[in-house]
């Protein structure tokens, strides 16, 4: 019997092909960014494969979101380190805002 859900690599290629008309409607600079965005799920192939979702866009979007979230957390950490180096203290309001966002 055959597989009901294709491997994630094949599913990613199929999904990317389905978005070709959208991609072609973008400006050249945005096409490059779109292509880069579709490269992100390739970094998380194992996790996406284990997710086994019938809607193949779900693990693709989750891997892109995770990657962007990790970059955001790294940027926040770098800004905090820079603030310490230049001697800027965080105000109480910023700490309250930080509590609202569940960042590590």
N, C-alpha and C. Protein backbone atom coordinates (compact mmCIF):
# COMPACT_ATOMS: atom_id res chain seq x y z
N UNK A 1 0.84 -1.18 0.00
CA UNK A 1 0.00 0.00 0.00
C UNK A 1 0.88 1.25 0.00
N UNK A 2 0.39 2.28 -0.66
CA UNK A 2 1.14 3.53 -0.76
C UNK A 2 0.94 4.41 0.46
N UNK A 3 1.75 5.42 0.51
CA UNK A 3 1.65 6.39 1.61
C UNK A 3 0.52 7.36 1.31
N UNK A 4 -0.19 7.72 2.33
CA UNK A 4 -1.28 8.68 2.15
C UNK A 4 -0.77 10.11 2.23
N UNK A 5 0.32 10.31 2.94
CA UNK A 5 0.91 11.63 3.07
C UNK A 5 2.33 11.57 2.50
N UNK A 6 2.65 12.43 1.53
CA UNK A 6 3.99 12.38 0.94
C UNK A 6 5.06 12.80 1.95
N UNK A 7 6.31 12.44 1.67
CA UNK A 7 7.40 12.86 2.54
C UNK A 7 7.40 14.39 2.61
N UNK A 8 7.94 14.91 3.67
CA UNK A 8 7.90 16.36 3.84
C UNK A 8 8.66 17.08 2.74
N UNK A 9 9.78 16.53 2.31
CA UNK A 9 10.55 17.19 1.25
C UNK A 9 9.73 17.32 -0.03
N UNK A 10 9.02 16.25 -0.37
CA UNK A 10 8.15 16.31 -1.56
C UNK A 10 6.99 17.28 -1.34
N UNK A 11 6.41 17.24 -0.14
CA UNK A 11 5.29 18.13 0.18
C UNK A 11 5.73 19.59 0.10
N UNK A 12 6.94 19.87 0.58
CA UNK A 12 7.47 21.24 0.53
C UNK A 12 7.63 21.69 -0.92
N UNK A 13 8.17 20.84 -1.76
CA UNK A 13 8.32 21.17 -3.18
C UNK A 13 6.96 21.41 -3.84
N UNK A 14 5.99 20.55 -3.52
CA UNK A 14 4.65 20.71 -4.08
C UNK A 14 4.03 22.03 -3.63
N UNK A 15 4.17 22.34 -2.36
CA UNK A 15 3.60 23.58 -1.83
C UNK A 15 4.27 24.80 -2.47
N UNK A 16 5.58 24.71 -2.61
CA UNK A 16 6.32 25.82 -3.21
C UNK A 16 5.87 26.04 -4.67
N UNK A 17 5.65 24.96 -5.41
CA UNK A 17 5.17 25.08 -6.79
C UNK A 17 3.78 25.71 -6.84
N UNK A 18 2.94 25.38 -5.87
CA UNK A 18 1.59 25.96 -5.85
C UNK A 18 1.60 27.47 -5.60
N UNK A 19 2.66 27.95 -4.98
CA UNK A 19 2.78 29.38 -4.70
C UNK A 19 3.52 30.13 -5.80
N UNK A 20 3.85 29.46 -6.89
CA UNK A 20 4.58 30.10 -8.00
C UNK A 20 3.86 31.31 -8.57
N UNK A 21 2.54 31.26 -8.82
CA UNK A 21 1.87 32.46 -9.34
C UNK A 21 2.00 33.66 -8.39
N UNK A 22 1.89 33.40 -7.10
CA UNK A 22 2.05 34.48 -6.10
C UNK A 22 3.47 35.03 -6.17
N UNK A 23 4.44 34.12 -6.20
CA UNK A 23 5.85 34.51 -6.26
C UNK A 23 6.13 35.36 -7.48
N UNK A 24 5.60 34.95 -8.63
CA UNK A 24 5.85 35.67 -9.88
C UNK A 24 5.23 37.05 -9.89
N UNK A 25 4.22 37.27 -9.08
CA UNK A 25 3.58 38.58 -9.00
C UNK A 25 4.35 39.55 -8.11
N UNK A 26 5.33 39.05 -7.37
CA UNK A 26 6.13 39.89 -6.48
C UNK A 26 7.22 40.64 -7.25
N UNK A 27 7.72 41.73 -6.65
CA UNK A 27 8.90 42.41 -7.19
C UNK A 27 10.10 41.48 -7.09
N UNK A 28 11.14 41.76 -7.87
CA UNK A 28 12.32 40.90 -7.85
C UNK A 28 12.93 40.78 -6.47
N UNK A 29 13.04 41.91 -5.76
CA UNK A 29 13.65 41.87 -4.42
C UNK A 29 12.79 41.05 -3.46
N UNK A 30 11.47 41.10 -3.63
CA UNK A 30 10.59 40.32 -2.78
C UNK A 30 10.61 38.84 -3.15
N UNK A 31 10.85 38.54 -4.42
CA UNK A 31 10.96 37.14 -4.84
C UNK A 31 12.12 36.46 -4.13
N UNK A 32 13.24 37.17 -4.03
CA UNK A 32 14.41 36.61 -3.33
C UNK A 32 14.07 36.34 -1.87
N UNK A 33 13.39 37.27 -1.23
CA UNK A 33 13.00 37.08 0.17
C UNK A 33 12.00 35.94 0.30
N UNK A 34 11.09 35.83 -0.65
CA UNK A 34 10.12 34.73 -0.65
C UNK A 34 10.85 33.39 -0.78
N UNK A 35 11.82 33.33 -1.70
CA UNK A 35 12.61 32.10 -1.87
C UNK A 35 13.38 31.77 -0.60
N UNK A 36 13.96 32.80 0.03
CA UNK A 36 14.68 32.59 1.29
C UNK A 36 13.74 32.06 2.37
N UNK A 37 12.53 32.60 2.40
CA UNK A 37 11.55 32.15 3.39
C UNK A 37 11.20 30.68 3.17
N UNK A 38 11.07 30.25 1.93
CA UNK A 38 10.75 28.87 1.64
C UNK A 38 11.94 27.94 1.86
N UNK A 39 13.13 28.50 2.02
CA UNK A 39 14.31 27.68 2.35
C UNK A 39 14.35 27.33 3.84
N UNK A 40 13.71 28.14 4.66
CA UNK A 40 13.74 27.93 6.11
C UNK A 40 13.22 26.55 6.52
N UNK A 41 12.09 26.08 6.00
CA UNK A 41 11.61 24.76 6.44
C UNK A 41 12.60 23.62 6.17
N UNK A 42 13.50 23.81 5.24
CA UNK A 42 14.51 22.78 4.97
C UNK A 42 15.45 22.60 6.17
N UNK A 43 15.55 23.61 7.02
CA UNK A 43 16.36 23.51 8.23
C UNK A 43 15.68 22.64 9.29
N UNK A 44 14.38 22.46 9.16
CA UNK A 44 13.59 21.74 10.16
C UNK A 44 12.89 20.53 9.55
N UNK A 45 13.52 19.91 8.56
CA UNK A 45 12.91 18.80 7.84
C UNK A 45 12.49 17.66 8.76
N UNK A 46 13.35 17.29 9.70
CA UNK A 46 13.02 16.18 10.60
C UNK A 46 11.79 16.49 11.45
N UNK A 47 11.78 17.67 12.04
CA UNK A 47 10.64 18.04 12.89
C UNK A 47 9.35 18.11 12.07
N UNK A 48 9.44 18.67 10.88
CA UNK A 48 8.25 18.77 10.02
C UNK A 48 7.77 17.38 9.59
N UNK A 49 8.69 16.48 9.36
CA UNK A 49 8.32 15.12 8.97
C UNK A 49 7.59 14.40 10.10
N UNK A 50 8.08 14.60 11.32
CA UNK A 50 7.44 13.97 12.48
C UNK A 50 6.08 14.57 12.80
N UNK A 51 5.84 15.78 12.34
CA UNK A 51 4.57 16.44 12.62
C UNK A 51 3.41 15.77 11.88
N UNK A 52 3.66 15.17 10.76
CA UNK A 52 2.67 14.45 9.94
C UNK A 52 1.32 15.18 9.94
N UNK A 53 1.28 16.27 9.22
CA UNK A 53 0.06 17.06 9.12
C UNK A 53 -0.56 16.85 7.74
N UNK A 54 -1.87 16.62 7.67
CA UNK A 54 -2.50 16.49 6.36
C UNK A 54 -2.50 17.80 5.56
N UNK A 55 -2.46 18.93 6.25
CA UNK A 55 -2.34 20.22 5.59
C UNK A 55 -0.86 20.57 5.58
N UNK A 56 -0.22 20.43 4.44
CA UNK A 56 1.24 20.53 4.38
C UNK A 56 1.76 21.93 4.67
N UNK A 57 0.89 22.93 4.60
CA UNK A 57 1.34 24.29 4.89
C UNK A 57 1.59 24.51 6.38
N UNK A 58 0.92 23.75 7.24
CA UNK A 58 1.05 23.95 8.70
C UNK A 58 2.50 23.78 9.19
N UNK A 59 3.17 22.66 8.92
CA UNK A 59 4.55 22.54 9.40
C UNK A 59 5.49 23.53 8.72
N UNK A 60 5.18 23.91 7.49
CA UNK A 60 6.00 24.90 6.80
C UNK A 60 5.92 26.23 7.53
N UNK A 61 4.70 26.66 7.85
CA UNK A 61 4.51 27.93 8.55
C UNK A 61 5.08 27.87 9.97
N UNK A 62 4.90 26.75 10.65
CA UNK A 62 5.44 26.63 12.01
C UNK A 62 6.96 26.71 12.02
N UNK A 63 7.61 26.10 11.04
CA UNK A 63 9.07 26.16 10.99
C UNK A 63 9.54 27.58 10.69
N UNK A 64 8.82 28.29 9.82
CA UNK A 64 9.17 29.68 9.53
C UNK A 64 8.96 30.55 10.77
N UNK A 65 7.84 30.34 11.46
CA UNK A 65 7.58 31.10 12.69
C UNK A 65 8.62 30.82 13.76
N UNK A 66 8.97 29.56 13.94
CA UNK A 66 9.98 29.21 14.94
C UNK A 66 11.31 29.87 14.62
N UNK A 67 11.70 29.81 13.36
CA UNK A 67 12.97 30.41 12.95
C UNK A 67 12.98 31.92 13.21
N UNK A 68 11.89 32.59 12.84
CA UNK A 68 11.79 34.03 13.06
C UNK A 68 11.76 34.37 14.55
N UNK A 69 11.07 33.54 15.33
CA UNK A 69 11.02 33.76 16.77
C UNK A 69 12.41 33.63 17.40
N UNK A 70 13.16 32.63 16.97
CA UNK A 70 14.52 32.46 17.47
C UNK A 70 15.39 33.66 17.13
N UNK A 71 15.23 34.18 15.92
CA UNK A 71 16.00 35.35 15.52
C UNK A 71 15.60 36.57 16.36
N UNK A 72 14.31 36.71 16.63
CA UNK A 72 13.83 37.82 17.45
C UNK A 72 14.41 37.75 18.86
N UNK A 73 14.39 36.57 19.45
CA UNK A 73 14.94 36.39 20.79
C UNK A 73 16.43 36.71 20.80
N UNK A 74 17.16 36.28 19.78
CA UNK A 74 18.59 36.60 19.68
C UNK A 74 18.81 38.10 19.56
N UNK A 75 18.00 38.78 18.76
CA UNK A 75 18.13 40.23 18.62
C UNK A 75 17.87 40.95 19.93
N UNK A 76 16.84 40.51 20.65
CA UNK A 76 16.53 41.12 21.95
C UNK A 76 17.70 40.93 22.92
N UNK A 77 18.27 39.74 22.91
CA UNK A 77 19.42 39.46 23.77
C UNK A 77 20.61 40.34 23.41
N UNK A 78 20.86 40.52 22.14
CA UNK A 78 21.97 41.37 21.70
C UNK A 78 21.74 42.82 22.09
N UNK A 79 20.51 43.30 21.97
CA UNK A 79 20.20 44.68 22.35
C UNK A 79 20.42 44.86 23.86
N UNK A 80 19.99 43.87 24.64
CA UNK A 80 20.20 43.95 26.09
C UNK A 80 21.69 43.99 26.44
N UNK A 81 22.48 43.18 25.74
CA UNK A 81 23.92 43.20 25.98
C UNK A 81 24.53 44.54 25.61
N UNK A 82 24.07 45.13 24.52
CA UNK A 82 24.55 46.45 24.11
C UNK A 82 24.16 47.51 25.12
N UNK A 83 22.95 47.38 25.66
CA UNK A 83 22.50 48.36 26.65
C UNK A 83 23.37 48.30 27.90
N UNK A 84 23.78 47.11 28.28
CA UNK A 84 24.66 46.96 29.45
C UNK A 84 26.01 47.59 29.16
N UNK A 85 26.53 47.37 27.97
CA UNK A 85 27.84 47.92 27.60
C UNK A 85 27.83 49.44 27.61
N UNK A 86 26.77 50.05 27.11
CA UNK A 86 26.70 51.51 27.07
C UNK A 86 26.13 52.11 28.35
N UNK A 87 25.70 51.27 29.27
CA UNK A 87 25.24 51.75 30.58
C UNK A 87 23.81 52.23 30.62
N UNK A 88 22.99 51.76 29.72
CA UNK A 88 21.58 52.15 29.73
C UNK A 88 20.82 51.16 30.60
N UNK A 89 20.09 51.68 31.56
CA UNK A 89 19.29 50.84 32.45
C UNK A 89 17.90 50.70 31.88
N UNK A 90 17.32 49.52 32.03
CA UNK A 90 15.94 49.32 31.60
C UNK A 90 15.01 49.92 32.64
N UNK A 91 13.96 50.56 32.16
CA UNK A 91 12.99 51.15 33.07
C UNK A 91 11.97 50.11 33.48
N UNK A 92 11.24 50.41 34.53
CA UNK A 92 10.23 49.48 35.03
C UNK A 92 9.17 49.18 33.99
N UNK A 93 8.82 50.17 33.18
CA UNK A 93 7.81 49.97 32.15
C UNK A 93 8.25 48.90 31.15
N UNK A 94 9.50 48.93 30.78
CA UNK A 94 10.02 47.94 29.84
C UNK A 94 9.97 46.54 30.46
N UNK A 95 10.24 46.46 31.75
CA UNK A 95 10.18 45.16 32.42
C UNK A 95 8.76 44.63 32.45
N UNK A 96 7.79 45.52 32.64
CA UNK A 96 6.39 45.12 32.64
C UNK A 96 5.99 44.61 31.25
N UNK A 97 6.45 45.30 30.21
CA UNK A 97 6.17 44.86 28.85
C UNK A 97 6.80 43.50 28.58
N UNK A 98 7.99 43.30 29.12
CA UNK A 98 8.69 42.03 28.95
C UNK A 98 7.91 40.89 29.60
N UNK A 99 7.32 41.16 30.73
CA UNK A 99 6.52 40.12 31.41
C UNK A 99 5.31 39.73 30.58
N UNK A 100 4.80 40.65 29.80
CA UNK A 100 3.63 40.36 28.96
C UNK A 100 4.00 39.42 27.81
N UNK A 101 5.24 39.51 27.33
CA UNK A 101 5.69 38.62 26.26
C UNK A 101 6.50 37.47 26.86
N UNK A 102 6.17 36.25 26.53
CA UNK A 102 6.90 35.11 27.10
C UNK A 102 8.22 34.85 26.36
N UNK A 103 9.16 35.80 26.47
CA UNK A 103 10.47 35.61 25.86
C UNK A 103 11.43 35.04 26.89
N UNK A 104 12.33 34.17 26.46
CA UNK A 104 13.28 33.58 27.42
C UNK A 104 14.28 34.57 27.93
